C-alpha atoms as a PDB file:
ATOM      1  CA  UNK A   1    -251.723  79.424 -51.288  1.00  0.00           C
ATOM      2  CA  UNK A   2    -254.493  80.255 -48.836  1.00  0.00           C
ATOM      3  CA  UNK A   3    -253.380  83.945 -48.927  1.00  0.00           C
ATOM      4  CA  UNK A   4    -253.850  84.074 -52.686  1.00  0.00           C
ATOM      5  CA  UNK A   5    -257.159  82.300 -52.538  1.00  0.00           C
ATOM      6  CA  UNK A   6    -258.360  84.655 -49.808  1.00  0.00           C
ATOM      7  CA  UNK A   7    -257.397  87.761 -51.740  1.00  0.00           C
ATOM      8  CA  UNK A   8    -259.176  86.361 -54.820  1.00  0.00           C
ATOM      9  CA  UNK A   9    -262.304  85.750 -52.834  1.00  0.00           C
ATOM     10  CA  UNK A  10    -262.146  89.325 -51.452  1.00  0.00           C
ATOM     11  CA  UNK A  11    -261.695  90.844 -54.943  1.00  0.00           C
ATOM     12  CA  UNK A  12    -264.355  88.726 -56.608  1.00  0.00           C
ATOM     13  CA  UNK A  13    -266.868  89.284 -53.809  1.00  0.00           C
ATOM     14  CA  UNK A  14    -266.394  93.058 -53.754  1.00  0.00           C
ATOM     15  CA  UNK A  15    -266.168  93.687 -57.485  1.00  0.00           C
ATOM     16  CA  UNK A  16    -268.611  90.989 -58.378  1.00  0.00           C
ATOM     17  CA  UNK A  17    -271.279  92.464 -56.072  1.00  0.00           C
ATOM     18  CA  UNK A  18    -270.529  95.885 -57.432  1.00  0.00           C
ATOM     19  CA  UNK A  19    -271.046  94.727 -61.064  1.00  0.00           C
ATOM     20  CA  UNK A  20    -274.093  92.657 -60.284  1.00  0.00           C
ATOM     21  CA  UNK A  21    -275.660  95.752 -58.788  1.00  0.00           C
ATOM     22  CA  UNK A  22    -275.184  97.459 -62.170  1.00  0.00           C
ATOM     23  CA  UNK A  23    -272.047  99.319 -61.252  1.00  0.00           C
ATOM     24  CA  UNK A  24    -269.335 100.073 -63.773  1.00  0.00           C
ATOM     25  CA  UNK A  25    -265.876  98.893 -62.962  1.00  0.00           C
ATOM     26  CA  UNK A  26    -264.357 101.871 -64.872  1.00  0.00           C
ATOM     27  CA  UNK A  27    -265.782 104.201 -62.227  1.00  0.00           C
ATOM     28  CA  UNK A  28    -263.523 102.585 -59.632  1.00  0.00           C
ATOM     29  CA  UNK A  29    -260.349 103.482 -61.483  1.00  0.00           C
ATOM     30  CA  UNK A  30    -259.273 106.706 -59.795  1.00  0.00           C
ATOM     31  CA  UNK A  31    -255.468 106.861 -60.067  1.00  0.00           C
ATOM     32  CA  UNK A  32    -255.205 110.119 -58.155  1.00  0.00           C
ATOM     33  CA  UNK A  33    -257.055 108.630 -55.228  1.00  0.00           C
ATOM     34  CA  UNK A  34    -254.689 105.727 -55.314  1.00  0.00           C
ATOM     35  CA  UNK A  35    -251.720 108.090 -55.365  1.00  0.00           C
ATOM     36  CA  UNK A  36    -253.004 110.036 -52.309  1.00  0.00           C
ATOM     37  CA  UNK A  37    -253.860 106.929 -50.257  1.00  0.00           C
ATOM     38  CA  UNK A  38    -250.884 104.754 -51.228  1.00  0.00           C
ATOM     39  CA  UNK A  39    -248.309 107.566 -51.171  1.00  0.00           C
ATOM     40  CA  UNK A  40    -249.436 108.966 -47.824  1.00  0.00           C
ATOM     41  CA  UNK A  41    -249.733 105.542 -46.222  1.00  0.00           C
ATOM     42  CA  UNK A  42    -246.292 104.516 -47.366  1.00  0.00           C
ATOM     43  CA  UNK A  43    -244.731 107.789 -46.225  1.00  0.00           C
ATOM     44  CA  UNK A  44    -246.348 107.457 -42.807  1.00  0.00           C
ATOM     45  CA  UNK A  45    -245.060 103.806 -42.676  1.00  0.00           C
ATOM     46  CA  UNK A  46    -241.551 105.019 -43.309  1.00  0.00           C
ATOM     47  CA  UNK A  47    -241.844 107.663 -40.565  1.00  0.00           C
ATOM     48  CA  UNK A  48    -243.349 105.270 -37.944  1.00  0.00           C
ATOM     49  CA  UNK A  49    -240.792 102.410 -38.353  1.00  0.00           C
ATOM     50  CA  UNK A  50    -237.002 102.000 -38.218  1.00  0.00           C
ATOM     51  CA  UNK A  51    -235.330 100.754 -41.389  1.00  0.00           C
ATOM     52  CA  UNK A  52    -234.879  97.150 -40.088  1.00  0.00           C
ATOM     53  CA  UNK A  53    -238.592  96.849 -39.469  1.00  0.00           C
ATOM     54  CA  UNK A  54    -239.438  98.298 -42.969  1.00  0.00           C
ATOM     55  CA  UNK A  55    -237.135  95.798 -44.651  1.00  0.00           C
ATOM     56  CA  UNK A  56    -238.404  92.919 -42.512  1.00  0.00           C
ATOM     57  CA  UNK A  57    -242.021  93.803 -43.459  1.00  0.00           C
ATOM     58  CA  UNK A  58    -241.275  94.121 -47.186  1.00  0.00           C
ATOM     59  CA  UNK A  59    -239.321  90.810 -47.164  1.00  0.00           C
ATOM     60  CA  UNK A  60    -241.816  89.103 -44.911  1.00  0.00           C
ATOM     61  CA  UNK A  61    -244.865  89.700 -47.218  1.00  0.00           C
ATOM     62  CA  UNK A  62    -243.602  87.484 -50.112  1.00  0.00           C
ATOM     63  CA  UNK A  63    -242.231  85.074 -47.545  1.00  0.00           C
ATOM     64  CA  UNK A  64    -245.775  84.331 -46.486  1.00  0.00           C
ATOM     65  CA  UNK A  65    -246.398  82.613 -49.825  1.00  0.00           C
ATOM     66  CA  UNK A  66    -243.578  80.134 -49.305  1.00  0.00           C
ATOM     67  CA  UNK A  67    -245.217  78.329 -46.380  1.00  0.00           C
ATOM     68  CA  UNK A  68    -244.003  77.804 -42.855  1.00  0.00           C
ATOM     69  CA  UNK A  69    -240.266  78.106 -42.213  1.00  0.00           C
ATOM     70  CA  UNK A  70    -240.216  75.111 -39.954  1.00  0.00           C
ATOM     71  CA  UNK A  71    -242.178  72.004 -40.931  1.00  0.00           C
ATOM     72  CA  UNK A  72    -242.710  68.717 -39.140  1.00  0.00           C
ATOM     73  CA  UNK A  73    -239.483  67.235 -40.482  1.00  0.00           C
ATOM     74  CA  UNK A  74    -237.542  70.327 -39.369  1.00  0.00           C
ATOM     75  CA  UNK A  75    -238.828  70.011 -35.829  1.00  0.00           C
ATOM     76  CA  UNK A  76    -237.850  66.333 -35.794  1.00  0.00           C
ATOM     77  CA  UNK A  77    -234.351  67.412 -36.842  1.00  0.00           C
ATOM     78  CA  UNK A  78    -234.223  70.058 -34.155  1.00  0.00           C
ATOM     79  CA  UNK A  79    -235.211  67.550 -31.502  1.00  0.00           C
ATOM     80  CA  UNK A  80    -232.754  65.006 -32.874  1.00  0.00           C
ATOM     81  CA  UNK A  81    -229.925  67.552 -32.870  1.00  0.00           C
ATOM     82  CA  UNK A  82    -230.538  68.523 -29.266  1.00  0.00           C
ATOM     83  CA  UNK A  83    -230.836  64.851 -28.323  1.00  0.00           C
ATOM     84  CA  UNK A  84    -227.488  64.047 -29.994  1.00  0.00           C
ATOM     85  CA  UNK A  85    -225.850  66.868 -28.140  1.00  0.00           C
ATOM     86  CA  UNK A  86    -227.280  65.894 -24.793  1.00  0.00           C
ATOM     87  CA  UNK A  87    -226.311  62.289 -25.315  1.00  0.00           C
ATOM     88  CA  UNK A  88    -222.682  63.241 -26.074  1.00  0.00           C
ATOM     89  CA  UNK A  89    -222.620  65.548 -23.086  1.00  0.00           C
ATOM     90  CA  UNK A  90    -223.956  62.782 -20.866  1.00  0.00           C
ATOM     91  CA  UNK A  91    -221.269  60.279 -22.100  1.00  0.00           C
ATOM     92  CA  UNK A  92    -218.239  62.613 -22.320  1.00  0.00           C
ATOM     93  CA  UNK A  93    -219.215  65.341 -19.898  1.00  0.00           C
ATOM     94  CA  UNK A  94    -220.061  68.953 -20.749  1.00  0.00           C
ATOM     95  CA  UNK A  95    -216.399  69.532 -21.643  1.00  0.00           C
ATOM     96  CA  UNK A  96    -216.807  66.961 -24.402  1.00  0.00           C
ATOM     97  CA  UNK A  97    -219.085  69.241 -26.389  1.00  0.00           C
ATOM     98  CA  UNK A  98    -216.997  72.364 -26.047  1.00  0.00           C
ATOM     99  CA  UNK A  99    -215.383  71.947 -29.490  1.00  0.00           C
ATOM    100  CA  UNK A 100    -218.778  71.352 -31.083  1.00  0.00           C
ATOM    101  CA  UNK A 101    -220.089  74.570 -29.616  1.00  0.00           C
ATOM    102  CA  UNK A 102    -217.061  76.618 -30.588  1.00  0.00           C
ATOM    103  CA  UNK A 103    -217.095  75.428 -34.226  1.00  0.00           C
ATOM    104  CA  UNK A 104    -220.472  73.938 -35.190  1.00  0.00           C
ATOM    105  CA  UNK A 105    -219.612  73.793 -38.843  1.00  0.00           C
ATOM    106  CA  UNK A 106    -216.954  71.120 -38.237  1.00  0.00           C
ATOM    107  CA  UNK A 107    -218.855  69.388 -35.449  1.00  0.00           C
ATOM    108  CA  UNK A 108    -219.854  65.761 -36.207  1.00  0.00           C
ATOM    109  CA  UNK A 109    -223.033  66.449 -34.257  1.00  0.00           C
ATOM    110  CA  UNK A 110    -224.278  69.663 -35.814  1.00  0.00           C
ATOM    111  CA  UNK A 111    -222.953  68.812 -39.382  1.00  0.00           C
ATOM    112  CA  UNK A 112    -225.616  66.056 -39.544  1.00  0.00           C
ATOM    113  CA  UNK A 113    -228.188  68.797 -39.862  1.00  0.00           C
ATOM    114  CA  UNK A 114    -227.066  71.069 -42.706  1.00  0.00           C
ATOM    115  CA  UNK A 115    -230.389  72.955 -42.908  1.00  0.00           C
ATOM    116  CA  UNK A 116    -230.294  73.838 -39.167  1.00  0.00           C
ATOM    117  CA  UNK A 117    -226.632  74.673 -39.393  1.00  0.00           C
ATOM    118  CA  UNK A 118    -227.474  77.226 -42.130  1.00  0.00           C
ATOM    119  CA  UNK A 119    -230.000  78.895 -39.776  1.00  0.00           C
ATOM    120  CA  UNK A 120    -227.568  81.272 -38.123  1.00  0.00           C
ATOM    121  CA  UNK A 121    -230.015  82.685 -35.483  1.00  0.00           C
ATOM    122  CA  UNK A 122    -231.204  79.231 -34.413  1.00  0.00           C
ATOM    123  CA  UNK A 123    -227.635  77.816 -34.154  1.00  0.00           C
ATOM    124  CA  UNK A 124    -226.451  80.888 -32.284  1.00  0.00           C
ATOM    125  CA  UNK A 125    -229.172  80.510 -29.817  1.00  0.00           C
ATOM    126  CA  UNK A 126    -228.412  76.833 -29.379  1.00  0.00           C
ATOM    127  CA  UNK A 127    -224.630  77.234 -28.979  1.00  0.00           C
ATOM    128  CA  UNK A 128    -225.039  80.129 -26.554  1.00  0.00           C
ATOM    129  CA  UNK A 129    -227.346  78.116 -24.322  1.00  0.00           C
ATOM    130  CA  UNK A 130    -224.983  75.101 -24.401  1.00  0.00           C
ATOM    131  CA  UNK A 131    -222.023  77.441 -23.658  1.00  0.00           C
ATOM    132  CA  UNK A 132    -223.816  78.582 -20.458  1.00  0.00           C
ATOM    133  CA  UNK A 133    -224.316  74.917 -19.508  1.00  0.00           C
ATOM    134  CA  UNK A 134    -220.643  74.040 -20.100  1.00  0.00           C
ATOM    135  CA  UNK A 135    -219.585  76.867 -17.798  1.00  0.00           C
ATOM    136  CA  UNK A 136    -221.370  74.943 -14.979  1.00  0.00           C
ATOM    137  CA  UNK A 137    -222.028  78.040 -12.896  1.00  0.00           C
ATOM    138  CA  UNK A 138    -225.818  78.291 -13.355  1.00  0.00           C
ATOM    139  CA  UNK A 139    -228.673  76.717 -11.656  1.00  0.00           C
ATOM    140  CA  UNK A 140    -231.554  75.355 -13.732  1.00  0.00           C
ATOM    141  CA  UNK A 141    -233.908  78.085 -12.702  1.00  0.00           C
ATOM    142  CA  UNK A 142    -231.305  80.785 -13.513  1.00  0.00           C
ATOM    143  CA  UNK A 143    -230.715  79.381 -17.013  1.00  0.00           C
ATOM    144  CA  UNK A 144    -234.471  79.075 -17.564  1.00  0.00           C
ATOM    145  CA  UNK A 145    -235.001  82.638 -16.638  1.00  0.00           C
ATOM    146  CA  UNK A 146    -232.201  83.831 -18.882  1.00  0.00           C
ATOM    147  CA  UNK A 147    -233.480  81.795 -21.827  1.00  0.00           C
ATOM    148  CA  UNK A 148    -237.006  83.000 -21.260  1.00  0.00           C
ATOM    149  CA  UNK A 149    -235.762  86.559 -21.598  1.00  0.00           C
ATOM    150  CA  UNK A 150    -233.933  85.732 -24.843  1.00  0.00           C
ATOM    151  CA  UNK A 151    -236.908  83.873 -26.304  1.00  0.00           C
ATOM    152  CA  UNK A 152    -239.188  86.745 -25.450  1.00  0.00           C
ATOM    153  CA  UNK A 153    -236.769  89.180 -26.995  1.00  0.00           C
ATOM    154  CA  UNK A 154    -236.799  87.088 -30.184  1.00  0.00           C
ATOM    155  CA  UNK A 155    -240.618  86.953 -30.176  1.00  0.00           C
ATOM    156  CA  UNK A 156    -240.857  90.734 -29.835  1.00  0.00           C
ATOM    157  CA  UNK A 157    -238.409  91.325 -32.647  1.00  0.00           C
ATOM    158  CA  UNK A 158    -240.140  88.814 -34.854  1.00  0.00           C
ATOM    159  CA  UNK A 159    -243.553  90.469 -34.124  1.00  0.00           C
ATOM    160  CA  UNK A 160    -242.454  93.965 -35.082  1.00  0.00           C
ATOM    161  CA  UNK A 161    -243.141  93.725 -38.841  1.00  0.00           C
ATOM    162  CA  UNK A 162    -246.640  92.335 -38.175  1.00  0.00           C
ATOM    163  CA  UNK A 163    -247.363  95.166 -35.726  1.00  0.00           C
ATOM    164  CA  UNK A 164    -246.064  97.757 -38.195  1.00  0.00           C
ATOM    165  CA  UNK A 165    -248.332  96.407 -40.951  1.00  0.00           C
ATOM    166  CA  UNK A 166    -251.294  96.379 -38.559  1.00  0.00           C
ATOM    167  CA  UNK A 167    -250.779 100.014 -37.707  1.00  0.00           C
ATOM    168  CA  UNK A 168    -250.614 100.718 -41.453  1.00  0.00           C
ATOM    169  CA  UNK A 169    -253.853  98.847 -41.947  1.00  0.00           C
ATOM    170  CA  UNK A 170    -255.526 100.799 -39.175  1.00  0.00           C
ATOM    171  CA  UNK A 171    -254.466 104.056 -40.857  1.00  0.00           C
ATOM    172  CA  UNK A 172    -255.629 103.269 -44.418  1.00  0.00           C
ATOM    173  CA  UNK A 173    -259.332 104.095 -43.791  1.00  0.00           C
ATOM    174  CA  UNK A 174    -258.156 107.467 -42.449  1.00  0.00           C
ATOM    175  CA  UNK A 175    -256.094 108.195 -45.577  1.00  0.00           C
ATOM    176  CA  UNK A 176    -259.233 107.121 -47.616  1.00  0.00           C
ATOM    177  CA  UNK A 177    -261.125 109.842 -45.760  1.00  0.00           C
ATOM    178  CA  UNK A 178    -258.277 112.323 -46.588  1.00  0.00           C
ATOM    179  CA  UNK A 179    -258.575 111.415 -50.304  1.00  0.00           C
ATOM    180  CA  UNK A 180    -262.398 111.756 -50.112  1.00  0.00           C
ATOM    181  CA  UNK A 181    -262.132 115.205 -48.506  1.00  0.00           C
ATOM    182  CA  UNK A 182    -259.783 116.461 -51.195  1.00  0.00           C
ATOM    183  CA  UNK A 183    -262.176 114.992 -53.736  1.00  0.00           C
ATOM    184  CA  UNK A 184    -264.999 117.017 -52.184  1.00  0.00           C
ATOM    185  CA  UNK A 185    -262.863 120.122 -52.290  1.00  0.00           C
ATOM    186  CA  UNK A 186    -262.429 119.559 -56.071  1.00  0.00           C
ATOM    187  CA  UNK A 187    -266.169 118.985 -56.342  1.00  0.00           C
ATOM    188  CA  UNK A 188    -267.023 122.227 -54.594  1.00  0.00           C
ATOM    189  CA  UNK A 189    -264.823 124.097 -57.067  1.00  0.00           C
ATOM    190  CA  UNK A 190    -266.944 122.536 -59.823  1.00  0.00           C
ATOM    191  CA  UNK A 191    -270.339 123.644 -58.541  1.00  0.00           C
ATOM    192  CA  UNK A 192    -272.257 125.647 -61.096  1.00  0.00           C
ATOM    193  CA  UNK A 193    -270.674 123.660 -63.931  1.00  0.00           C
ATOM    194  CA  UNK A 194    -271.782 120.544 -65.799  1.00  0.00           C
ATOM    195  CA  UNK A 195    -273.774 118.205 -63.667  1.00  0.00           C
ATOM    196  CA  UNK A 196    -272.034 115.147 -65.070  1.00  0.00           C
ATOM    197  CA  UNK A 197    -268.647 116.592 -64.092  1.00  0.00           C
ATOM    198  CA  UNK A 198    -269.789 117.239 -60.562  1.00  0.00           C
ATOM    199  CA  UNK A 199    -271.052 113.657 -60.387  1.00  0.00           C
ATOM    200  CA  UNK A 200    -267.799 112.327 -61.611  1.00  0.00           C
ATOM    201  CA  UNK A 201    -265.882 114.239 -58.865  1.00  0.00           C
ATOM    202  CA  UNK A 202    -268.258 113.050 -56.169  1.00  0.00           C
ATOM    203  CA  UNK A 203    -267.894 109.449 -57.369  1.00  0.00           C
ATOM    204  CA  UNK A 204    -264.058 109.851 -57.277  1.00  0.00           C
ATOM    205  CA  UNK A 205    -264.185 111.151 -53.745  1.00  0.00           C
ATOM    206  CA  UNK A 206    -266.363 108.265 -52.588  1.00  0.00           C
ATOM    207  CA  UNK A 207    -263.915 105.796 -54.265  1.00  0.00           C
ATOM    208  CA  UNK A 208    -261.172 107.209 -52.046  1.00  0.00           C
ATOM    209  CA  UNK A 209    -263.070 106.192 -48.941  1.00  0.00           C
ATOM    210  CA  UNK A 210    -263.841 102.821 -50.475  1.00  0.00           C
ATOM    211  CA  UNK A 211    -260.237 102.078 -51.361  1.00  0.00           C
ATOM    212  CA  UNK A 212    -258.904 103.069 -47.951  1.00  0.00           C
ATOM    213  CA  UNK A 213    -261.364 100.762 -46.145  1.00  0.00           C
ATOM    214  CA  UNK A 214    -260.898  97.915 -48.551  1.00  0.00           C
ATOM    215  CA  UNK A 215    -257.081  98.013 -48.519  1.00  0.00           C
ATOM    216  CA  UNK A 216    -257.034  98.305 -44.707  1.00  0.00           C
ATOM    217  CA  UNK A 217    -259.470  95.530 -43.813  1.00  0.00           C
ATOM    218  CA  UNK A 218    -259.351  93.386 -46.938  1.00  0.00           C
ATOM    219  CA  UNK A 219    -255.571  93.194 -47.700  1.00  0.00           C
ATOM    220  CA  UNK A 220    -253.116  94.810 -45.295  1.00  0.00           C
ATOM    221  CA  UNK A 221    -254.838  93.823 -42.051  1.00  0.00           C
ATOM    222  CA  UNK A 222    -255.084  90.171 -43.026  1.00  0.00           C
ATOM    223  CA  UNK A 223    -251.408  90.198 -44.103  1.00  0.00           C
ATOM    224  CA  UNK A 224    -250.426  91.631 -40.726  1.00  0.00           C
ATOM    225  CA  UNK A 225    -252.401  88.933 -38.870  1.00  0.00           C
ATOM    226  CA  UNK A 226    -250.844  86.192 -41.135  1.00  0.00           C
ATOM    227  CA  UNK A 227    -247.391  87.564 -40.427  1.00  0.00           C
ATOM    228  CA  UNK A 228    -248.042  87.547 -36.687  1.00  0.00           C
ATOM    229  CA  UNK A 229    -249.154  83.921 -36.784  1.00  0.00           C
ATOM    230  CA  UNK A 230    -246.102  82.996 -38.719  1.00  0.00           C
ATOM    231  CA  UNK A 231    -243.752  84.745 -36.264  1.00  0.00           C
ATOM    232  CA  UNK A 232    -245.503  82.958 -33.346  1.00  0.00           C
ATOM    233  CA  UNK A 233    -245.205  79.510 -35.032  1.00  0.00           C
ATOM    234  CA  UNK A 234    -241.493  80.011 -35.893  1.00  0.00           C
ATOM    235  CA  UNK A 235    -240.729  81.006 -32.315  1.00  0.00           C
ATOM    236  CA  UNK A 236    -241.574  77.325 -31.304  1.00  0.00           C
ATOM    237  CA  UNK A 237    -238.184  76.227 -32.610  1.00  0.00           C
ATOM    238  CA  UNK A 238    -236.473  78.371 -29.931  1.00  0.00           C
ATOM    239  CA  UNK A 239    -238.930  77.317 -27.200  1.00  0.00           C
ATOM    240  CA  UNK A 240    -238.338  73.634 -27.659  1.00  0.00           C
ATOM    241  CA  UNK A 241    -234.562  74.056 -27.551  1.00  0.00           C
ATOM    242  CA  UNK A 242    -234.865  76.007 -24.332  1.00  0.00           C
ATOM    243  CA  UNK A 243    -237.189  73.409 -22.830  1.00  0.00           C
ATOM    244  CA  UNK A 244    -234.921  70.453 -23.676  1.00  0.00           C
ATOM    245  CA  UNK A 245    -231.756  72.112 -22.385  1.00  0.00           C
ATOM    246  CA  UNK A 246    -233.279  73.329 -19.123  1.00  0.00           C
ATOM    247  CA  UNK A 247    -234.835  69.843 -18.600  1.00  0.00           C
ATOM    248  CA  UNK A 248    -231.427  68.293 -19.113  1.00  0.00           C
ATOM    249  CA  UNK A 249    -229.825  70.702 -16.632  1.00  0.00           C
ATOM    250  CA  UNK A 250    -232.401  69.607 -14.103  1.00  0.00           C
ATOM    251  CA  UNK A 251    -231.144  66.054 -14.357  1.00  0.00           C
ATOM    252  CA  UNK A 252    -233.538  64.432 -16.803  1.00  0.00           C
ATOM    253  CA  UNK A 253    -232.048  62.004 -19.341  1.00  0.00           C
ATOM    254  CA  UNK A 254    -231.879  63.146 -23.000  1.00  0.00           C
ATOM    255  CA  UNK A 255    -234.969  61.120 -24.069  1.00  0.00           C
ATOM    256  CA  UNK A 256    -237.103  62.655 -21.367  1.00  0.00           C
ATOM    257  CA  UNK A 257    -235.795  66.153 -21.921  1.00  0.00           C
ATOM    258  CA  UNK A 258    -236.610  65.836 -25.643  1.00  0.00           C
ATOM    259  CA  UNK A 259    -240.036  64.558 -24.786  1.00  0.00           C
ATOM    260  CA  UNK A 260    -240.760  67.676 -22.671  1.00  0.00           C
ATOM    261  CA  UNK A 261    -239.746  69.725 -25.696  1.00  0.00           C
ATOM    262  CA  UNK A 262    -241.991  67.737 -27.998  1.00  0.00           C
ATOM    263  CA  UNK A 263    -245.018  68.547 -25.949  1.00  0.00           C
ATOM    264  CA  UNK A 264    -244.560  72.245 -26.682  1.00  0.00           C
ATOM    265  CA  UNK A 265    -245.225  71.790 -30.427  1.00  0.00           C
ATOM    266  CA  UNK A 266    -248.575  72.390 -32.003  1.00  0.00           C
ATOM    267  CA  UNK A 267    -250.504  69.290 -33.018  1.00  0.00           C
ATOM    268  CA  UNK A 268    -250.048  69.862 -36.776  1.00  0.00           C
ATOM    269  CA  UNK A 269    -246.269  69.769 -36.610  1.00  0.00           C
ATOM    270  CA  UNK A 270    -245.703  67.570 -33.511  1.00  0.00           C
ATOM    271  CA  UNK A 271    -244.134  64.197 -34.358  1.00  0.00           C
ATOM    272  CA  UNK A 272    -245.773  61.262 -32.666  1.00  0.00           C
ATOM    273  CA  UNK A 273    -243.889  59.782 -29.691  1.00  0.00           C
ATOM    274  CA  UNK A 274    -243.279  56.464 -31.476  1.00  0.00           C
ATOM    275  CA  UNK A 275    -242.141  58.125 -34.671  1.00  0.00           C
ATOM    276  CA  UNK A 276    -239.687  60.402 -32.847  1.00  0.00           C
ATOM    277  CA  UNK A 277    -238.312  57.580 -30.736  1.00  0.00           C
ATOM    278  CA  UNK A 278    -237.808  55.424 -33.872  1.00  0.00           C
ATOM    279  CA  UNK A 279    -236.098  58.344 -35.618  1.00  0.00           C
ATOM    280  CA  UNK A 280    -233.802  58.922 -32.666  1.00  0.00           C
ATOM    281  CA  UNK A 281    -232.820  55.241 -32.543  1.00  0.00           C
ATOM    282  CA  UNK A 282    -232.118  55.142 -36.277  1.00  0.00           C
ATOM    283  CA  UNK A 283    -229.660  58.077 -35.900  1.00  0.00           C
ATOM    284  CA  UNK A 284    -227.587  56.430 -33.241  1.00  0.00           C
END
């Protein structure tokens, strides 16, 4: 919602100021300038990025309108899921959760959280970490280092679409200048003709520069920043799982391990200690 409101403010401010200064909106409609800037920018975007990044960026833009992927209740479920697994492992030994890891879909522990179970990447990360713990051949610092590498890899991959959009935003003013230069070339060819025609060509050239700067700094750049924030926030789900499992491997009881993980969450999605404790007790 904030994205839509922000874009409306940008449009109203720019066009409203233009109209109030006695400008005519029709003068800003230059389809050939839009074709030059938009086509060149999109072509360069395809050249600069692999297909998976292009797809992720295109899918990620409308995804920004849906809100955060993980909300407070989802983080409570993640912490509860990890707690349940650690409690079972503490009671039955690490071998006792081996079947749950091998087939999460039929696990009485994981099946309590259908939304998380449907998140393939998150579940794969969780079960892979637990599988390493079941093997019993890793020290806590070794597991932590390995998980840090995997989390960092996830962060880098999640940030690629935002980085690609930011590069596109930085290039748009340049493509606006390209459109303006081409407009000046057309203007030079009209010198000696009707003054109104020359003025029209000059205005079209200036609109090219205007569009490139406005699209870059008013639309694509903010989208890239919003996508980067979203990727960083969603990475917290992986970080809290890592923290809880490493803390458990260091010998802390499940309740303490989950508390360490809870501390990693941002304040707007972090459940209160009492609320989380009451939720864990109610699920026993």
